[in-house]
Protein backbone atom coordinates (compact mmCIF):
# COMPACT_ATOMS: atom_id res chain seq x y z
CA UNK A 1 -89.99 107.83 48.96
CA UNK A 2 -86.99 109.52 47.75
CA UNK A 3 -83.58 109.81 48.98
CA UNK A 4 -80.60 111.63 48.25
CA UNK A 5 -57.31 73.62 34.55
CA UNK A 6 -59.20 71.50 32.83
CA UNK A 7 -56.45 69.29 31.89
CA UNK A 8 -59.26 67.26 29.49
CA UNK A 9 -60.81 70.71 27.78
CA UNK A 10 -59.47 70.29 24.17
CA UNK A 11 -58.98 72.58 21.59
CA UNK A 12 -58.79 76.07 23.48
CA UNK A 13 -57.09 78.04 25.50
CA UNK A 14 -57.05 77.61 29.09
CA UNK A 15 -55.59 80.45 31.53
CA UNK A 16 -54.23 79.79 35.30
CA UNK A 17 -52.64 82.92 36.19
CA UNK A 18 -54.66 85.56 38.06
CA UNK A 19 -53.55 88.78 40.39
CA UNK A 20 -55.00 88.71 44.08
CA UNK A 21 -55.41 91.85 45.60
CA UNK A 22 -53.29 92.59 47.89
CA UNK A 23 -54.48 94.39 51.45
CA UNK A 24 -51.61 95.33 53.08
CA UNK A 25 -52.34 99.33 53.00
CA UNK A 26 -55.90 99.96 54.61
CA UNK A 27 -57.53 102.85 53.47
CA UNK A 28 -60.36 104.56 56.14
CA UNK A 29 -64.12 105.02 55.02
CA UNK A 30 -65.51 108.24 55.29
CA UNK A 31 -68.45 108.38 56.28
CA UNK A 32 -71.49 110.73 54.76
CA UNK A 33 -74.40 110.86 56.14
CA UNK A 34 -77.02 112.63 54.03
CA UNK A 35 -79.58 114.45 55.52
CA UNK A 36 -82.96 114.02 53.22
CA UNK A 37 -86.08 115.14 55.34
CA UNK A 38 -87.67 112.85 57.22
CA UNK A 39 -85.02 110.04 56.94
CA UNK A 40 -81.10 109.77 57.17
CA UNK A 41 -79.60 108.20 54.11
CA UNK A 42 -76.05 106.69 55.46
CA UNK A 43 -73.29 105.73 52.99
CA UNK A 44 -69.36 105.10 53.39
CA UNK A 45 -67.37 106.04 50.92
CA UNK A 46 -65.80 106.93 48.44
CA UNK A 47 -62.60 104.64 49.82
CA UNK A 48 -59.77 104.59 46.91
CA UNK A 49 -57.11 102.19 47.02
CA UNK A 50 -54.27 102.28 44.00
CA UNK A 51 -56.35 101.03 41.21
CA UNK A 52 -60.46 101.78 42.39
CA UNK A 53 -62.73 103.38 44.63
CA UNK A 54 -65.53 102.10 46.38
CA UNK A 55 -68.99 103.32 47.33
CA UNK A 56 -71.07 102.09 49.80
CA UNK A 57 -74.35 102.34 50.72
CA UNK A 58 -77.90 101.03 52.63
CA UNK A 59 -81.08 101.97 52.53
CA UNK A 60 -82.13 103.23 56.18
CA UNK A 61 -83.84 100.83 58.32
CA UNK A 62 -82.92 98.19 56.28
CA UNK A 63 -81.44 94.83 57.46
CA UNK A 64 -80.18 93.87 54.76
CA UNK A 65 -79.32 95.75 50.80
CA UNK A 66 -78.62 94.39 47.84
CA UNK A 67 -78.10 95.89 44.60
CA UNK A 68 -78.60 93.69 41.83
CA UNK A 69 -78.19 95.88 38.24
CA UNK A 70 -76.57 98.38 37.44
CA UNK A 71 -76.78 100.81 33.67
CA UNK A 72 -74.28 103.06 32.03
CA UNK A 73 -75.45 106.01 33.58
CA UNK A 74 -73.78 104.60 36.79
CA UNK A 75 -77.83 103.93 37.96
CA UNK A 76 -78.31 101.01 40.75
CA UNK A 77 -81.09 98.87 41.26
CA UNK A 78 -82.01 96.22 43.61
CA UNK A 79 -84.04 95.08 46.57
CA UNK A 80 -84.02 95.60 50.42
CA UNK A 81 -84.99 94.04 53.12
CA UNK A 82 -87.41 95.01 55.84
CA UNK A 83 -87.88 92.24 57.45
CA UNK A 84 -87.23 88.41 57.17
CA UNK A 85 -90.39 88.25 54.83
CA UNK A 86 -90.84 91.97 53.42
CA UNK A 87 -88.40 93.08 50.73
CA UNK A 88 -88.98 96.30 48.29
CA UNK A 89 -86.98 97.58 45.72
CA UNK A 90 -84.87 100.23 45.65
CA UNK A 91 -83.32 102.92 42.54
CA UNK A 92 -80.19 104.67 43.96
CA UNK A 93 -78.80 107.76 40.96
CA UNK A 94 -75.58 108.35 39.68
CA UNK A 95 -75.53 110.97 42.51
CA UNK A 96 -77.04 108.78 45.50
CA UNK A 97 -80.05 109.67 45.68
CA UNK A 98 -82.02 106.70 46.62
CA UNK A 99 -86.03 105.56 45.93
CA UNK A 100 -87.19 103.04 46.96
CA UNK A 101 -90.43 101.37 45.75
CA UNK A 102 -92.69 98.55 45.88
CA UNK A 103 -95.32 96.98 43.78
CA UNK A 104 -98.68 97.62 44.98
CA UNK A 105 -100.40 95.14 46.98
CA UNK A 106 -97.25 93.35 46.84
CA UNK A 107 -95.23 91.78 50.34
CA UNK A 108 -92.01 91.05 48.05
CA UNK A 109 -90.39 93.44 45.05
CA UNK A 110 -87.54 92.36 43.61
CA UNK A 111 -85.87 94.25 40.68
CA UNK A 112 -83.52 91.91 38.99
CA UNK A 113 -82.06 94.41 35.52
CA UNK A 114 -82.40 97.81 35.05
CA UNK A 115 -81.49 98.91 31.03
CA UNK A 116 -79.48 102.31 30.15
CA UNK A 117 -83.31 103.56 29.72
CA UNK A 118 -84.13 103.62 33.21
CA UNK A 119 -86.25 100.60 32.75
CA UNK A 120 -86.43 98.55 35.62
CA UNK A 121 -87.60 94.68 35.53
CA UNK A 122 -88.09 92.20 38.50
CA UNK A 123 -90.84 90.32 40.17
CA UNK A 124 -93.32 90.30 43.17
CA UNK A 125 -95.29 88.27 45.46
CA UNK A 126 -99.06 88.76 44.76
CA UNK A 127 -101.80 88.22 47.49
CA UNK A 128 -102.14 84.16 46.69
CA UNK A 129 -98.11 83.20 47.35
CA UNK A 130 -97.15 83.95 43.62
CA UNK A 131 -94.22 85.55 42.19
CA UNK A 132 -95.08 87.44 38.98
CA UNK A 133 -93.45 89.91 36.91
CA UNK A 134 -93.06 93.63 36.33
CA UNK A 135 -91.90 96.39 34.64
CA UNK A 136 -91.21 100.14 35.92
CA UNK A 137 -90.49 102.46 33.52
CA UNK A 138 -88.45 105.67 33.96
CA UNK A 139 -90.98 107.86 34.86
CA UNK A 140 -91.93 105.65 38.08
CA UNK A 141 -95.08 103.98 36.63
CA UNK A 142 -95.01 100.17 37.07
CA UNK A 143 -96.61 97.57 35.20
CA UNK A 144 -97.55 93.97 36.43
CA UNK A 145 -96.76 91.15 33.17
CA UNK A 146 -99.86 88.68 32.49
CA UNK A 147 -98.96 85.33 33.85
CA UNK A 148 -100.32 83.05 30.58
CA UNK A 149 -97.81 80.98 28.65
CA UNK A 150 -98.34 78.68 25.93
CA UNK A 151 -101.09 76.40 26.16
CA UNK A 152 -98.46 73.33 25.02
CA UNK A 153 -96.46 74.19 28.76
CA UNK A 154 -99.72 74.38 30.82
CA UNK A 155 -102.21 70.83 31.57
CA UNK A 156 -103.87 69.49 34.26
CA UNK A 157 -100.82 68.94 35.83
CA UNK A 158 -98.91 71.60 35.29
CA UNK A 159 -99.41 75.55 35.04
CA UNK A 160 -97.60 78.45 34.43
CA UNK A 161 -99.00 80.97 37.43
CA UNK A 162 -95.75 82.45 38.16
CA UNK A 163 -93.14 84.90 35.98
CA UNK A 164 -89.75 85.40 37.29
CA UNK A 165 -87.90 87.91 34.57
CA UNK A 166 -83.94 88.30 34.88
CA UNK A 167 -83.47 90.69 32.45
CA UNK A 168 -84.10 93.56 30.05
CA UNK A 169 -82.42 95.31 26.99
CA UNK A 170 -82.17 98.55 25.82
CA UNK A 171 -85.36 97.96 23.29
CA UNK A 172 -87.29 96.88 26.61
CA UNK A 173 -87.49 93.55 25.75
CA UNK A 174 -87.57 91.51 29.07
CA UNK A 175 -86.40 87.78 29.51
CA UNK A 176 -87.13 85.55 32.13
CA UNK A 177 -88.65 81.90 33.92
CA UNK A 178 -92.28 80.69 34.39
CA UNK A 179 -91.94 78.31 36.79
CA UNK A 180 -94.20 75.02 36.29
CA UNK A 181 -96.18 74.03 39.50
CA UNK A 182 -96.23 71.53 40.70
CA UNK A 183 -93.77 69.92 38.57
CA UNK A 184 -90.30 71.41 39.97
CA UNK A 185 -89.37 72.55 36.04
CA UNK A 186 -89.41 76.00 34.67
CA UNK A 187 -89.71 77.19 31.17
CA UNK A 188 -88.01 80.72 29.61
CA UNK A 189 -89.77 83.61 28.42
CA UNK A 190 -89.27 86.87 26.41
CA UNK A 191 -91.73 89.55 26.82
CA UNK A 192 -92.00 92.07 23.42
CA UNK A 193 -91.89 95.73 24.53
CA UNK A 194 -95.43 95.71 23.45
CA UNK A 195 -96.65 92.87 25.61
CA UNK A 196 -96.51 89.63 23.88
CA UNK A 197 -95.15 86.52 25.80
CA UNK A 198 -93.27 83.89 23.91
CA UNK A 199 -92.85 80.96 26.15
CA UNK A 200 -90.28 78.18 24.94
CA UNK A 201 -88.44 74.94 26.75
CA UNK A 202 -85.68 72.68 25.62
CA UNK A 203 -85.87 69.89 28.51
CA UNK A 204 -87.79 66.52 27.35
CA UNK A 205 -90.23 66.38 29.97
CA UNK A 206 -91.83 69.32 32.52
CA UNK A 207 -91.03 66.91 34.76
CA UNK A 208 -88.18 67.99 37.20
CA UNK A 209 -86.42 69.50 34.07
CA UNK A 210 -85.83 73.53 33.98
CA UNK A 211 -85.24 75.57 31.25
CA UNK A 212 -83.84 78.86 32.32
CA UNK A 213 -83.01 81.59 30.53
CA UNK A 214 -80.05 84.10 32.23
CA UNK A 215 -79.32 86.94 29.68
CA UNK A 216 -80.42 88.77 27.22
CA UNK A 217 -78.30 91.49 24.72
CA UNK A 218 -79.47 94.47 22.83
CA UNK A 219 -80.14 92.16 19.58
CA UNK A 220 -82.42 90.35 21.50
CA UNK A 221 -80.24 86.97 21.43
CA UNK A 222 -81.28 85.15 24.40
CA UNK A 223 -79.22 82.59 26.70
CA UNK A 224 -79.18 79.93 29.42
CA UNK A 225 -79.38 76.74 30.12
CA UNK A 226 -81.76 73.11 30.54
CA UNK A 227 -81.58 70.16 31.79
CA UNK A 228 -82.11 66.64 30.44
CA UNK A 229 -81.81 64.43 33.47
CA UNK A 230 -82.86 65.16 36.87
CA UNK A 231 -81.21 68.55 38.06
CA UNK A 232 -79.23 69.26 41.09
CA UNK A 233 -77.45 72.59 41.69
CA UNK A 234 -74.52 70.90 41.84
CA UNK A 235 -70.99 69.76 39.94
CA UNK A 236 -72.73 66.82 39.11
CA UNK A 237 -75.96 67.80 37.29
CA UNK A 238 -76.14 67.45 33.50
CA UNK A 239 -76.58 70.92 32.08
CA UNK A 240 -76.80 72.43 28.17
CA UNK A 241 -76.61 75.80 27.54
CA UNK A 242 -78.55 77.27 25.00
CA UNK A 243 -78.26 81.11 22.54
CA UNK A 244 -81.76 81.68 20.66
CA UNK A 245 -80.94 84.02 18.22
CA UNK A 246 -83.91 87.22 17.43
CA UNK A 247 -84.36 85.12 14.75
CA UNK A 248 -85.55 82.06 16.50
CA UNK A 249 -82.52 79.98 15.35
CA UNK A 250 -81.76 77.98 18.17
CA UNK A 251 -77.43 76.61 19.15
CA UNK A 252 -76.84 74.59 21.81
CA UNK A 253 -73.61 74.20 23.48
CA UNK A 254 -71.88 72.55 25.38
CA UNK A 255 -68.15 72.87 26.21
CA UNK A 256 -65.77 70.17 24.59
CA UNK A 257 -64.30 67.44 26.53
CA UNK A 258 -62.43 64.54 25.62
CA UNK A 259 -63.33 61.29 27.70
CA UNK A 260 -63.50 59.29 30.10
CA UNK A 261 -66.06 61.61 31.63
CA UNK A 262 -69.38 60.82 33.88
CA UNK A 263 -71.03 64.00 32.99
CA UNK A 264 -70.53 67.10 32.11
CA UNK A 265 -72.25 70.80 32.69
CA UNK A 266 -72.34 73.82 30.78
CA UNK A 267 -74.23 76.99 32.41
CA UNK A 268 -74.74 79.62 30.33
CA UNK A 269 -75.18 82.87 32.61
CA UNK A 270 -74.54 86.28 29.96
CA UNK A 271 -74.44 87.51 27.14
CA UNK A 272 -72.19 90.96 25.87
CA UNK A 273 -74.09 92.91 23.15
CA UNK A 274 -70.78 91.53 20.85
CA UNK A 275 -72.56 87.96 21.29
CA UNK A 276 -69.50 86.77 23.38
CA UNK A 277 -70.93 84.43 26.41
CA UNK A 278 -69.54 83.96 29.57
CA UNK A 279 -70.91 80.60 32.10
CA UNK A 280 -70.06 78.22 34.29
CA UNK A 281 -68.82 74.33 33.33
CA UNK A 282 -68.29 71.01 35.58
CA UNK A 283 -66.53 67.82 34.78
CA UNK A 284 -67.43 64.55 36.79
CA UNK A 285 -64.83 61.99 36.47
CA UNK A 286 -64.74 58.44 37.14
CA UNK A 287 -68.34 58.54 39.07
CA UNK A 288 -67.55 61.96 40.41
CA UNK A 289 -64.40 60.80 42.47
CA UNK A 290 -62.93 64.04 40.46
CA UNK A 291 -64.71 66.97 39.07
CA UNK A 292 -63.22 69.76 37.70
CA UNK A 293 -65.35 73.05 37.95
CA UNK A 294 -64.21 76.97 36.06
CA UNK A 295 -65.46 79.60 34.05
CA UNK A 296 -65.67 80.04 30.16
CA UNK A 297 -65.78 83.10 27.94
CA UNK A 298 -67.65 81.67 23.97
CA UNK A 299 -66.72 83.79 21.25
CA UNK A 300 -69.47 84.95 18.84
CA UNK A 301 -67.92 82.69 16.53
CA UNK A 302 -67.97 79.74 19.28
CA UNK A 303 -64.45 79.20 20.38
CA UNK A 304 -64.17 78.44 24.12
CA UNK A 305 -61.63 80.22 26.28
CA UNK A 306 -61.23 78.84 29.98
CA UNK A 307 -60.30 80.37 33.60
CA UNK A 308 -60.48 79.91 36.96
CA UNK A 309 -61.08 82.01 39.46
CA UNK A 310 -58.71 82.12 43.17
CA UNK A 311 -61.23 79.42 44.08
CA UNK A 312 -64.45 77.75 42.89
CA UNK A 313 -66.72 80.08 40.97
CA UNK A 314 -70.20 80.81 43.13
CA UNK A 315 -72.75 78.89 40.85
CA UNK A 316 -76.75 79.77 41.16
CA UNK A 317 -78.81 77.99 43.99
CA UNK A 318 -80.89 76.39 41.39
CA UNK A 319 -84.67 76.49 39.53
CA UNK A 320 -86.38 79.33 41.28
CA UNK A 321 -88.58 78.27 43.64
CA UNK A 322 -92.59 78.66 42.75
CA UNK A 323 -93.27 79.94 46.07
CA UNK A 324 -91.14 82.10 48.37
CA UNK A 325 -89.60 80.50 50.91
CA UNK A 326 -88.92 82.78 54.62
CA UNK A 327 -84.97 82.67 54.79
CA UNK A 328 -84.63 81.48 51.43
CA UNK A 329 -83.04 83.53 48.38
CA UNK A 330 -85.44 85.68 46.83
CA UNK A 331 -83.39 85.82 43.80
CA UNK A 332 -80.28 84.03 42.10
CA UNK A 333 -77.63 86.75 42.52
CA UNK A 334 -74.50 84.44 41.59
CA UNK A 335 -74.58 84.75 37.82
CA UNK A 336 -71.69 86.21 36.01
CA UNK A 337 -71.84 89.30 34.61
CA UNK A 338 -70.12 90.52 31.51
CA UNK A 339 -69.68 93.89 29.84
CA UNK A 340 -70.00 94.78 25.98
CA UNK A 341 -65.55 94.36 26.38
CA UNK A 342 -65.40 91.34 27.85
CA UNK A 343 -64.68 92.58 30.92
CA UNK A 344 -66.34 89.69 33.59
CA UNK A 345 -67.40 89.83 37.21
CA UNK A 346 -68.52 87.05 40.08
CA UNK A 347 -67.89 85.71 43.72
CA UNK A 348 -65.70 82.91 44.88
CA UNK A 349 -65.19 81.01 47.56
CA UNK A 350 -61.86 80.54 49.25
CA UNK A 351 -60.34 77.91 51.40
CA UNK A 352 -62.07 78.75 54.67
CA UNK A 353 -65.75 79.29 53.03
CA UNK A 354 -65.53 82.94 52.74
CA UNK A 355 -66.72 85.13 49.32
CA UNK A 356 -65.20 87.69 47.51
CA UNK A 357 -65.55 89.17 44.61
CA UNK A 358 -63.80 89.07 41.31
CA UNK A 359 -63.30 90.44 37.74
CA UNK A 360 -61.83 89.33 35.14
CA UNK A 361 -60.61 92.24 31.95
CA UNK A 362 -60.57 91.16 28.17
CA UNK A 363 -57.08 89.91 28.39
CA UNK A 364 -57.36 87.40 30.50
CA UNK A 365 -55.72 88.69 34.03
CA UNK A 366 -58.17 88.08 37.05
CA UNK A 367 -58.70 90.22 40.33
CA UNK A 368 -59.75 89.26 43.42
CA UNK A 369 -61.42 91.82 45.67
CA UNK A 370 -63.34 93.10 48.10
CA UNK A 371 -64.18 96.74 49.42
CA UNK A 372 -62.26 97.84 52.60
CA UNK A 373 -62.73 96.67 55.82
CA UNK A 374 -65.54 94.28 54.19
CA UNK A 375 -65.86 90.65 53.09
CA UNK A 376 -68.26 87.93 51.95
CA UNK A 377 -68.35 89.60 48.92
CA UNK A 378 -71.37 89.35 46.08
CA UNK A 379 -70.46 91.13 42.57
CA UNK A 380 -73.67 90.42 40.73
CA UNK A 381 -73.27 93.64 37.54
CA UNK A 382 -70.81 95.79 35.88
CA UNK A 383 -71.91 97.96 33.43
CA UNK A 384 -70.08 99.37 30.67
CA UNK A 385 -67.25 101.19 32.00
CA UNK A 386 -66.54 98.65 34.36
CA UNK A 387 -68.23 100.24 37.18
CA UNK A 388 -69.81 96.61 39.57
CA UNK A 389 -72.24 96.48 41.83
CA UNK A 390 -72.74 94.59 44.25
CA UNK A 391 -73.28 93.85 48.26
CA UNK A 392 -71.03 92.91 51.37
CA UNK A 393 -70.80 92.63 55.35
CA UNK A 394 -68.64 95.51 56.67
CA UNK A 395 -66.46 93.82 59.91
CA UNK A 396 -68.04 96.76 62.36
CA UNK A 397 -71.86 96.36 61.34
CA UNK A 398 -71.73 92.58 60.08
CA UNK A 399 -75.38 91.80 60.72
CA UNK A 400 -76.70 93.71 57.66
CA UNK A 401 -75.38 92.90 53.94
CA UNK A 402 -74.56 96.70 52.25
CA UNK A 403 -74.34 97.55 48.87
CA UNK A 404 -71.21 99.15 47.12
CA UNK A 405 -70.21 100.04 43.56
CA UNK A 406 -66.47 99.54 42.85
CA UNK A 407 -65.52 101.96 40.39
CA UNK A 408 -62.23 102.21 38.69
CA UNK A 409 -60.05 104.94 38.56
CA UNK A 410 -59.19 106.81 35.20
């Protein structure tokens, strides 16, 4: 249907300043009702402050609207909830026209990434309850994935029965994750435009140790992280990041630290076309009596710059489950996003536990934000022009998440 601080990080730059948005002056949201027979698309916006404008939107009848990715043309994809157990995909054009779609016979359809050609990848739930990958071409044709992986990753005790794509680049390469059932592990994969799938894993065993791909850039370089010890999604889990070059060369890295430390985690979450990588880290001292966390940028030359948002950066909830669990997140929307200019977006929590978005410009200045009269902001994606997409809760209707676009003013 279509509708219109770390004090112990050595030898690298540390940034401690940030710029908080002031909401001393509020601007009223303009409610625009767009009539598209037979349905109504409600949008709030644009709302303008001194620096940016906001556009708010939701899918009619949805109990939650969750943008996941935005391309250079301001085309947005994501998913919306029809009920607690049914989700469908949407495509929002730059003019506000919304097209909804779902994979045939799929109960859940969750788009994760869109490229500048308008191709979308994500996953859906099949009749057996497994998440499988799909590719939606710009003309609306949907192709589902073969879920097979390399024989060494599938055995009597573990099987690749699922695919969770998370990224598609400008040339149609798709990267994602194969959960391994029933071992609570995962491996990464890259699918070529022709449909050939290459699987890989860097964890030493397949039992409870995930390898998670998080992003691809235009050249086909892939980033992510893996665990060499029992995985926990909190600050005490030991994670090492990887950069897999298009020629197959593997670069493994962690943030540089001085002794003494108990454990250290480095999670690469995004790579831009220039080869810069953004991610999060944590360092645990003295059996975790003290924990340092923050964000990092790794230059194409391997140099690290560290930064801190106004509060703890929201991290991924952990490795994906093989099965969908009602009431649990269907995807991992908390990765940091970074565009070709080096601008980074993500989310953080304040001392009261409320969630906000933030944007870090290439010069290191960090600005906190929420859409006007909104909160619990999750920033999921940023395009080459600095437009950020995500979801939030509007104070006057806080029951359902709404989508937003944060558009820099010229």
